[in-house]
PDB file of N, CA and C in Angstrom:
ATOM      1  N   MET A   1      31.367  15.141  -5.302  1.00  0.00           N
ATOM      2  CA  MET A   1      30.306  15.037  -4.811  1.00  0.00           C
ATOM      3  C   MET A   1      30.368  14.038  -3.589  1.00  0.00           C
ATOM      4  N   SER A   2      29.838  15.307  -2.386  1.00  0.00           N
ATOM      5  CA  SER A   2      29.177  14.402  -0.838  1.00  0.00           C
ATOM      6  C   SER A   2      28.789  13.525  -0.990  1.00  0.00           C
ATOM      7  N   ASP A   3      28.592  12.650   0.293  1.00  0.00           N
ATOM      8  CA  ASP A   3      27.600  11.643   0.705  1.00  0.00           C
ATOM      9  C   ASP A   3      26.044  12.001   1.050  1.00  0.00           C
ATOM     10  N   TYR A   4      26.562  13.594   1.343  1.00  0.00           N
ATOM     11  CA  TYR A   4      25.118  14.139   2.052  1.00  0.00           C
ATOM     12  C   TYR A   4      24.424  14.463   0.593  1.00  0.00           C
ATOM     13  N   ALA A   5      25.186  14.629  -0.367  1.00  0.00           N
ATOM     14  CA  ALA A   5      24.121  15.328  -1.756  1.00  0.00           C
ATOM     15  C   ALA A   5      23.516  14.094  -2.272  1.00  0.00           C
ATOM     16  N   ARG A   6      23.554  13.307  -2.088  1.00  0.00           N
ATOM     17  CA  ARG A   6      23.327  11.997  -2.472  1.00  0.00           C
ATOM     18  C   ARG A   6      22.296  11.453  -1.761  1.00  0.00           C
ATOM     19  N   ARG A   7      22.289  11.431  -0.496  1.00  0.00           N
ATOM     20  CA  ARG A   7      21.243  10.783   0.191  1.00  0.00           C
ATOM     21  C   ARG A   7      19.793  11.163   0.425  1.00  0.00           C
ATOM     22  N   PRO A   8      18.985  10.165  -0.170  1.00  0.00           N
ATOM     23  CA  PRO A   8      17.557  10.329   0.032  1.00  0.00           C
ATOM     24  C   PRO A   8      17.020  10.731   1.353  1.00  0.00           C
ATOM     25  N   ARG A   9      15.418  11.583   1.210  1.00  0.00           N
ATOM     26  CA  ARG A   9      15.408  12.233   2.108  1.00  0.00           C
ATOM     27  C   ARG A   9      14.581  10.986   2.807  1.00  0.00           C
ATOM     28  N   ARG A  10      14.514  11.210   4.016  1.00  0.00           N
ATOM     29  CA  ARG A  10      14.064  10.302   5.136  1.00  0.00           C
ATOM     30  C   ARG A  10      12.835  10.404   5.251  1.00  0.00           C
ATOM     31  N   LYS A  11      12.013   8.855   4.910  1.00  0.00           N
ATOM     32  CA  LYS A  11      10.564   8.938   5.072  1.00  0.00           C
ATOM     33  C   LYS A  11      10.077   9.306   6.406  1.00  0.00           C
ATOM     34  N   TYR A  12       8.781   9.476   6.858  1.00  0.00           N
ATOM     35  CA  TYR A  12       8.414   9.571   7.940  1.00  0.00           C
ATOM     36  C   TYR A  12       6.873   8.569   7.911  1.00  0.00           C
ATOM     37  N   CYS A  13       6.718   8.595   8.966  1.00  0.00           N
ATOM     38  CA  CYS A  13       4.906   7.902   9.605  1.00  0.00           C
ATOM     39  C   CYS A  13       4.295   9.079   9.127  1.00  0.00           C
ATOM     40  N   ASN A  14       3.271   8.853   8.010  1.00  0.00           N
ATOM     41  CA  ASN A  14       2.229  10.106   8.179  1.00  0.00           C
ATOM     42  C   ASN A  14       0.976   9.448   9.348  1.00  0.00           C
ATOM     43  N   PHE A  15       1.136   8.492   9.836  1.00  0.00           N
ATOM     44  CA  PHE A  15       0.101   8.554  10.737  1.00  0.00           C
ATOM     45  C   PHE A  15       0.444   8.759  12.010  1.00  0.00           C
ATOM     46  N   CYS A  16       1.824   8.498  12.771  1.00  0.00           N
ATOM     47  CA  CYS A  16       2.632   9.110  13.595  1.00  0.00           C
ATOM     48  C   CYS A  16       2.524  10.727  13.824  1.00  0.00           C
ATOM     49  N   LYS A  17       2.409  11.689  12.268  1.00  0.00           N
ATOM     50  CA  LYS A  17       2.677  12.992  12.497  1.00  0.00           C
ATOM     51  C   LYS A  17       0.839  13.355  12.638  1.00  0.00           C
ATOM     52  N   ASP A  18       0.204  12.708  12.326  1.00  0.00           N
ATOM     53  CA  ASP A  18      -1.470  13.074  12.054  1.00  0.00           C
ATOM     54  C   ASP A  18      -1.512  12.531  13.556  1.00  0.00           C
ATOM     55  N   HIS A  19      -1.273  12.075  14.755  1.00  0.00           N
ATOM     56  CA  HIS A  19      -1.561  11.460  15.547  1.00  0.00           C
ATOM     57  C   HIS A  19      -2.779  10.311  15.414  1.00  0.00           C
ATOM     58  N   VAL A  20      -2.797   9.457  14.559  1.00  0.00           N
ATOM     59  CA  VAL A  20      -3.397   8.472  14.597  1.00  0.00           C
ATOM     60  C   VAL A  20      -3.582   7.142  15.310  1.00  0.00           C
ATOM     61  N   ASP A  21      -4.620   6.951  15.857  1.00  0.00           N
ATOM     62  CA  ASP A  21      -4.661   6.054  17.284  1.00  0.00           C
ATOM     63  C   ASP A  21      -5.148   4.553  16.550  1.00  0.00           C
ATOM     64  N   TYR A  22      -6.209   4.805  15.620  1.00  0.00           N
ATOM     65  CA  TYR A  22      -6.990   3.700  14.972  1.00  0.00           C
ATOM     66  C   TYR A  22      -6.799   3.786  13.548  1.00  0.00           C
ATOM     67  N   ILE A  23      -6.308   2.947  12.653  1.00  0.00           N
ATOM     68  CA  ILE A  23      -6.756   3.011  11.166  1.00  0.00           C
ATOM     69  C   ILE A  23      -8.038   1.866  10.521  1.00  0.00           C
ATOM     70  N   ASP A  24      -8.740   2.668  10.362  1.00  0.00           N
ATOM     71  CA  ASP A  24     -10.202   2.311  10.453  1.00  0.00           C
ATOM     72  C   ASP A  24     -10.074   1.670   8.996  1.00  0.00           C
ATOM     73  N   TYR A  25     -10.702   0.036   9.018  1.00  0.00           N
ATOM     74  CA  TYR A  25     -10.844  -0.559   7.403  1.00  0.00           C
ATOM     75  C   TYR A  25     -11.594  -0.006   6.887  1.00  0.00           C
ATOM     76  N   LYS A  26     -12.856   0.609   7.059  1.00  0.00           N
ATOM     77  CA  LYS A  26     -13.838   1.684   6.127  1.00  0.00           C
ATOM     78  C   LYS A  26     -13.516   2.380   5.445  1.00  0.00           C
ATOM     79  N   ASP A  27     -12.164   3.183   5.604  1.00  0.00           N
ATOM     80  CA  ASP A  27     -11.668   4.465   5.296  1.00  0.00           C
ATOM     81  C   ASP A  27     -10.749   3.906   4.013  1.00  0.00           C
ATOM     82  N   VAL A  28     -11.574   3.440   2.626  1.00  0.00           N
ATOM     83  CA  VAL A  28     -10.903   2.911   1.960  1.00  0.00           C
ATOM     84  C   VAL A  28     -10.016   3.900   1.027  1.00  0.00           C
ATOM     85  N   ASN A  29     -10.488   5.109   0.660  1.00  0.00           N
ATOM     86  CA  ASN A  29      -9.547   6.122   0.057  1.00  0.00           C
ATOM     87  C   ASN A  29      -7.968   6.232   1.005  1.00  0.00           C
ATOM     88  N   THR A  30      -8.443   6.397   2.331  1.00  0.00           N
ATOM     89  CA  THR A  30      -6.566   6.071   2.912  1.00  0.00           C
ATOM     90  C   THR A  30      -6.213   4.573   2.535  1.00  0.00           C
ATOM     91  N   LEU A  31      -6.422   3.465   2.749  1.00  0.00           N
ATOM     92  CA  LEU A  31      -6.132   2.667   2.300  1.00  0.00           C
ATOM     93  C   LEU A  31      -5.780   2.071   0.636  1.00  0.00           C
ATOM     94  N   ARG A  32      -6.247   2.854   0.312  1.00  0.00           N
ATOM     95  CA  ARG A  32      -5.728   2.828  -1.344  1.00  0.00           C
ATOM     96  C   ARG A  32      -4.203   3.363  -1.143  1.00  0.00           C
ATOM     97  N   LYS A  33      -4.201   4.211  -0.877  1.00  0.00           N
ATOM     98  CA  LYS A  33      -3.005   5.089  -0.700  1.00  0.00           C
ATOM     99  C   LYS A  33      -1.568   3.940  -0.700  1.00  0.00           C
ATOM    100  N   TYR A  34      -2.078   3.241   0.064  1.00  0.00           N
ATOM    101  CA  TYR A  34      -1.056   1.931   0.681  1.00  0.00           C
ATOM    102  C   TYR A  34      -1.210   0.961   0.006  1.00  0.00           C
ATOM    103  N   MET A  35      -1.731   0.868  -0.899  1.00  0.00           N
ATOM    104  CA  MET A  35      -1.908  -0.667  -1.844  1.00  0.00           C
ATOM    105  C   MET A  35      -1.044  -0.410  -3.528  1.00  0.00           C
ATOM    106  N   THR A  36      -0.768  -1.181  -3.947  1.00  0.00           N
ATOM    107  CA  THR A  36      -0.063  -1.128  -5.390  1.00  0.00           C
ATOM    108  C   THR A  36      -1.573  -1.171  -6.432  1.00  0.00           C
ATOM    109  N   ASP A  37      -1.555  -0.831  -7.912  1.00  0.00           N
ATOM    110  CA  ASP A  37      -2.490  -1.039  -8.937  1.00  0.00           C
ATOM    111  C   ASP A  37      -2.744  -2.263  -8.904  1.00  0.00           C
ATOM    112  N   ARG A  38      -2.427  -3.280  -8.378  1.00  0.00           N
ATOM    113  CA  ARG A  38      -2.630  -4.657  -8.789  1.00  0.00           C
ATOM    114  C   ARG A  38      -3.177  -5.064  -7.276  1.00  0.00           C
ATOM    115  N   GLY A  39      -3.463  -4.308  -6.216  1.00  0.00           N
ATOM    116  CA  GLY A  39      -3.939  -4.274  -4.907  1.00  0.00           C
ATOM    117  C   GLY A  39      -2.919  -5.077  -3.627  1.00  0.00           C
ATOM    118  N   LYS A  40      -1.825  -5.195  -3.951  1.00  0.00           N
ATOM    119  CA  LYS A  40      -0.861  -5.331  -2.778  1.00  0.00           C
ATOM    120  C   LYS A  40      -0.537  -4.381  -2.008  1.00  0.00           C
ATOM    121  N   ILE A  41      -0.384  -4.836  -0.993  1.00  0.00           N
ATOM    122  CA  ILE A  41       0.198  -4.080   0.428  1.00  0.00           C
ATOM    123  C   ILE A  41       1.292  -3.471  -0.173  1.00  0.00           C
ATOM    124  N   LYS A  42       1.993  -2.187   0.098  1.00  0.00           N
ATOM    125  CA  LYS A  42       2.767  -1.675   0.038  1.00  0.00           C
ATOM    126  C   LYS A  42       3.835  -1.921   1.235  1.00  0.00           C
ATOM    127  N   PRO A  43       5.257  -2.189   0.628  1.00  0.00           N
ATOM    128  CA  PRO A  43       6.204  -2.429   2.343  1.00  0.00           C
ATOM    129  C   PRO A  43       6.683  -0.804   3.064  1.00  0.00           C
ATOM    130  N   ARG A  44       6.715  -1.371   4.195  1.00  0.00           N
ATOM    131  CA  ARG A  44       7.357   0.236   4.963  1.00  0.00           C
ATOM    132  C   ARG A  44       8.662   0.635   4.187  1.00  0.00           C
ATOM    133  N   ARG A  45       9.002   0.046   3.665  1.00  0.00           N
ATOM    134  CA  ARG A  45       9.944   0.820   3.004  1.00  0.00           C
ATOM    135  C   ARG A  45       9.904   1.622   1.980  1.00  0.00           C
ATOM    136  N   VAL A  46       8.713   1.490   0.991  1.00  0.00           N
ATOM    137  CA  VAL A  46       8.453   2.559   0.574  1.00  0.00           C
ATOM    138  C   VAL A  46       7.447   3.258   0.678  1.00  0.00           C
ATOM    139  N   THR A  47       6.278   2.596   2.044  1.00  0.00           N
ATOM    140  CA  THR A  47       5.536   4.224   2.525  1.00  0.00           C
ATOM    141  C   THR A  47       6.088   4.876   3.399  1.00  0.00           C
ATOM    142  N   GLY A  48       7.204   4.541   4.480  1.00  0.00           N
ATOM    143  CA  GLY A  48       7.743   5.236   5.277  1.00  0.00           C
ATOM    144  C   GLY A  48       7.082   4.892   6.508  1.00  0.00           C
ATOM    145  N   ASN A  49       6.564   4.197   6.696  1.00  0.00           N
ATOM    146  CA  ASN A  49       5.335   3.806   8.209  1.00  0.00           C
ATOM    147  C   ASN A  49       6.432   3.134   9.214  1.00  0.00           C
ATOM    148  N   CYS A  50       5.852   3.499  10.275  1.00  0.00           N
ATOM    149  CA  CYS A  50       6.400   2.602  11.575  1.00  0.00           C
ATOM    150  C   CYS A  50       6.137   1.645  11.603  1.00  0.00           C
ATOM    151  N   ALA A  51       6.871   0.413  12.487  1.00  0.00           N
ATOM    152  CA  ALA A  51       6.281  -0.659  12.228  1.00  0.00           C
ATOM    153  C   ALA A  51       4.864  -0.988  12.944  1.00  0.00           C
ATOM    154  N   GLN A  52       4.666  -0.257  13.967  1.00  0.00           N
ATOM    155  CA  GLN A  52       3.056  -0.565  14.584  1.00  0.00           C
ATOM    156  C   GLN A  52       1.885  -0.247  13.650  1.00  0.00           C
ATOM    157  N   HIS A  53       2.451   0.938  13.035  1.00  0.00           N
ATOM    158  CA  HIS A  53       1.340   1.371  12.157  1.00  0.00           C
ATOM    159  C   HIS A  53       1.231   0.911  10.670  1.00  0.00           C
ATOM    160  N   GLN A  54       2.298   0.224  10.755  1.00  0.00           N
ATOM    161  CA  GLN A  54       2.393  -0.558   9.004  1.00  0.00           C
ATOM    162  C   GLN A  54       1.363  -1.920   9.668  1.00  0.00           C
ATOM    163  N   HIS A  55       1.964  -2.634  10.492  1.00  0.00           N
ATOM    164  CA  HIS A  55       0.823  -3.723  11.035  1.00  0.00           C
ATOM    165  C   HIS A  55      -0.460  -3.409  11.309  1.00  0.00           C
ATOM    166  N   GLN A  56      -0.626  -2.288  12.134  1.00  0.00           N
ATOM    167  CA  GLN A  56      -2.302  -1.915  11.569  1.00  0.00           C
ATOM    168  C   GLN A  56      -3.003  -1.548  10.005  1.00  0.00           C
ATOM    169  N   LEU A  57      -2.077  -0.971   9.559  1.00  0.00           N
ATOM    170  CA  LEU A  57      -2.160  -1.027   8.271  1.00  0.00           C
ATOM    171  C   LEU A  57      -2.954  -2.377   7.399  1.00  0.00           C
ATOM    172  N   SER A  58      -1.620  -2.957   7.260  1.00  0.00           N
ATOM    173  CA  SER A  58      -2.339  -4.155   7.147  1.00  0.00           C
ATOM    174  C   SER A  58      -3.218  -4.812   7.331  1.00  0.00           C
ATOM    175  N   THR A  59      -3.407  -4.691   8.696  1.00  0.00           N
ATOM    176  CA  THR A  59      -4.840  -5.630   9.115  1.00  0.00           C
ATOM    177  C   THR A  59      -6.101  -5.154   8.532  1.00  0.00           C
ATOM    178  N   ALA A  60      -6.215  -3.629   8.572  1.00  0.00           N
ATOM    179  CA  ALA A  60      -7.337  -2.815   8.395  1.00  0.00           C
ATOM    180  C   ALA A  60      -7.194  -3.399   6.747  1.00  0.00           C
ATOM    181  N   ILE A  61      -6.138  -3.165   6.094  1.00  0.00           N
ATOM    182  CA  ILE A  61      -6.391  -3.927   4.431  1.00  0.00           C
ATOM    183  C   ILE A  61      -6.959  -4.965   4.422  1.00  0.00           C
ATOM    184  N   LYS A  62      -6.491  -6.077   5.191  1.00  0.00           N
ATOM    185  CA  LYS A  62      -7.212  -7.391   5.277  1.00  0.00           C
ATOM    186  C   LYS A  62      -8.874  -7.659   5.432  1.00  0.00           C
ATOM    187  N   ARG A  63      -9.063  -6.640   6.305  1.00  0.00           N
ATOM    188  CA  ARG A  63     -10.047  -6.664   6.778  1.00  0.00           C
ATOM    189  C   ARG A  63     -11.337  -5.872   5.935  1.00  0.00           C
ATOM    190  N   ALA A  64     -10.854  -4.898   4.780  1.00  0.00           N
ATOM    191  CA  ALA A  64     -11.685  -4.145   4.200  1.00  0.00           C
ATOM    192  C   ALA A  64     -11.448  -5.570   3.239  1.00  0.00           C
ATOM    193  N   ARG A  65     -10.307  -6.032   2.691  1.00  0.00           N
ATOM    194  CA  ARG A  65     -10.686  -7.190   1.802  1.00  0.00           C
ATOM    195  C   ARG A  65     -12.109  -8.204   2.035  1.00  0.00           C
ATOM    196  N   GLU A  66     -11.771  -8.668   3.009  1.00  0.00           N
ATOM    197  CA  GLU A  66     -13.218  -9.400   3.643  1.00  0.00           C
ATOM    198  C   GLU A  66     -14.257  -8.843   3.693  1.00  0.00           C
ATOM    199  N   MET A  67     -14.614  -7.646   3.534  1.00  0.00           N
ATOM    200  CA  MET A  67     -15.618  -6.860   3.508  1.00  0.00           C
ATOM    201  C   MET A  67     -16.157  -6.565   2.150  1.00  0.00           C
ATOM    202  N   ALA A  68     -15.212  -6.745   1.121  1.00  0.00           N
ATOM    203  CA  ALA A  68     -15.419  -6.427  -0.100  1.00  0.00           C
ATOM    204  C   ALA A  68     -15.144  -4.935  -0.685  1.00  0.00           C
ATOM    205  N   LEU A  69     -14.701  -4.448   0.703  1.00  0.00           N
ATOM    206  CA  LEU A  69     -14.589  -2.845  -0.004  1.00  0.00           C
ATOM    207  C   LEU A  69     -13.090  -2.463  -0.820  1.00  0.00           C
ATOM    208  N   VAL A  70     -12.186  -3.685  -0.776  1.00  0.00           N
ATOM    209  CA  VAL A  70     -11.042  -3.132  -1.495  1.00  0.00           C
ATOM    210  C   VAL A  70     -11.019  -4.644  -1.922  1.00  0.00           C
ATOM    211  N   PRO A  71     -10.398  -4.675  -3.433  1.00  0.00           N
ATOM    212  CA  PRO A  71     -10.391  -6.026  -4.046  1.00  0.00           C
ATOM    213  C   PRO A  71      -9.116  -6.891  -3.613  1.00  0.00           C
ATOM    214  N   TYR A  72      -8.967  -7.970  -3.706  1.00  0.00           N
ATOM    215  CA  TYR A  72      -8.182  -8.983  -3.182  1.00  0.00           C
ATOM    216  C   TYR A  72      -6.534  -8.887  -4.180  1.00  0.00           C
ATOM    217  N   ALA A  73      -7.301  -8.986  -5.506  1.00  0.00           N
ATOM    218  CA  ALA A  73      -6.425  -8.931  -6.764  1.00  0.00           C
ATOM    219  C   ALA A  73      -6.943  -8.074  -7.890  1.00  0.00           C
ATOM    220  N   VAL A  74      -6.003  -7.439  -8.754  1.00  0.00           N
ATOM    221  CA  VAL A  74      -6.552  -6.683  -9.994  1.00  0.00           C
ATOM    222  C   VAL A  74      -6.318  -7.590 -11.019  1.00  0.00           C
ATOM    223  N   PRO A  75      -7.207  -8.095 -11.981  1.00  0.00           N
ATOM    224  CA  PRO A  75      -6.836  -9.142 -13.143  1.00  0.00           C
ATOM    225  C   PRO A  75      -5.886  -7.853 -14.075  1.00  0.00           C
ATOM    226  N   VAL A  76      -5.241  -8.191 -14.694  1.00  0.00           N
ATOM    227  CA  VAL A  76      -3.918  -8.045 -15.411  1.00  0.00           C
ATOM    228  C   VAL A  76      -4.361  -7.990 -16.644  1.00  0.00           C
ATOM    229  N   VAL A  77      -4.618  -6.613 -17.192  1.00  0.00           N
ATOM    230  CA  VAL A  77      -5.194  -6.367 -18.448  1.00  0.00           C
ATOM    231  C   VAL A  77      -3.650  -5.977 -19.547  1.00  0.00           C
ATOM    232  N   SER A  78      -3.604  -7.265 -20.433  1.00  0.00           N
ATOM    233  CA  SER A  78      -2.565  -7.471 -21.501  1.00  0.00           C
ATOM    234  C   SER A  78      -3.214  -7.319 -23.197  1.00  0.00           C
ATOM    235  N   GLY A  79      -2.348  -6.988 -23.890  1.00  0.00           N
ATOM    236  CA  GLY A  79      -2.568  -7.257 -25.131  1.00  0.00           C
ATOM    237  C   GLY A  79      -3.139  -8.904 -25.389  1.00  0.00           C
ATOM    238  N   ARG A  80      -2.566  -9.836 -24.884  1.00  0.00           N
ATOM    239  CA  ARG A  80      -2.806 -11.295 -24.950  1.00  0.00           C
ATOM    240  C   ARG A  80      -3.863 -11.950 -24.429  1.00  0.00           C
ATOM    241  N   VAL A  81      -4.481 -12.895 -25.211  1.00  0.00           N
ATOM    242  CA  VAL A  81      -5.868 -13.389 -25.533  1.00  0.00           C
ATOM    243  C   VAL A  81      -5.953 -14.578 -24.410  1.00  0.00           C
ATOM    244  N   ASP A  82      -4.996 -15.486 -24.908  1.00  0.00           N
ATOM    245  CA  ASP A  82      -4.429 -16.687 -23.939  1.00  0.00           C
ATOM    246  C   ASP A  82      -3.125 -16.534 -23.682  1.00  0.00           C
ATOM    247  N   GLY A  83      -2.890 -17.659 -22.857  1.00  0.00           N
ATOM    248  CA  GLY A  83      -1.454 -17.815 -22.381  1.00  0.00           C
ATOM    249  C   GLY A  83      -0.249 -18.100 -23.201  1.00  0.00           C
ATOM    250  N   LYS A  84      -0.127 -18.233 -24.324  1.00  0.00           N
ATOM    251  CA  LYS A  84       0.661 -18.663 -25.576  1.00  0.00           C
ATOM    252  C   LYS A  84       0.949 -17.619 -26.210  1.00  0.00           C
ATOM    253  N   GLY A  85       0.518 -16.551 -25.906  1.00  0.00           N
ATOM    254  CA  GLY A  85       0.604 -15.239 -26.766  1.00  0.00           C
ATOM    255  C   GLY A  85       0.133 -14.616 -28.350  1.00  0.00           C
ATOM    256  N   ARG A  86      -1.001 -15.619 -28.112  1.00  0.00           N
ATOM    257  CA  ARG A  86      -1.725 -15.859 -29.783  1.00  0.00           C
ATOM    258  C   ARG A  86      -2.705 -14.919 -29.111  1.00  0.00           C
ATOM    259  N   ARG A  87      -3.740 -13.920 -30.205  1.00  0.00           N
ATOM    260  CA  ARG A  87      -4.523 -13.351 -30.026  1.00  0.00           C
ATOM    261  C   ARG A  87      -5.694 -14.299 -30.618  1.00  0.00           C
TER     262      ARG A  87
END
């Protein structure tokens, strides 16, 4: 097999593609796409954003967190009741 067959597809910045000048912190649906289910910001290597838009995105998410539009962290739901594994 050649190297070309195994090379992953290059990610691209969706904000550059759509010519977005400003990422709005009130646009919660867009911000949620760039957050994990636990509420953490996804890194650039996962999202494919350029450095400028990733910085704007993280600032917008942090502002939305302060305004309580998106959560800081989502509590983990597990089968355990207490921290020692007992029910």
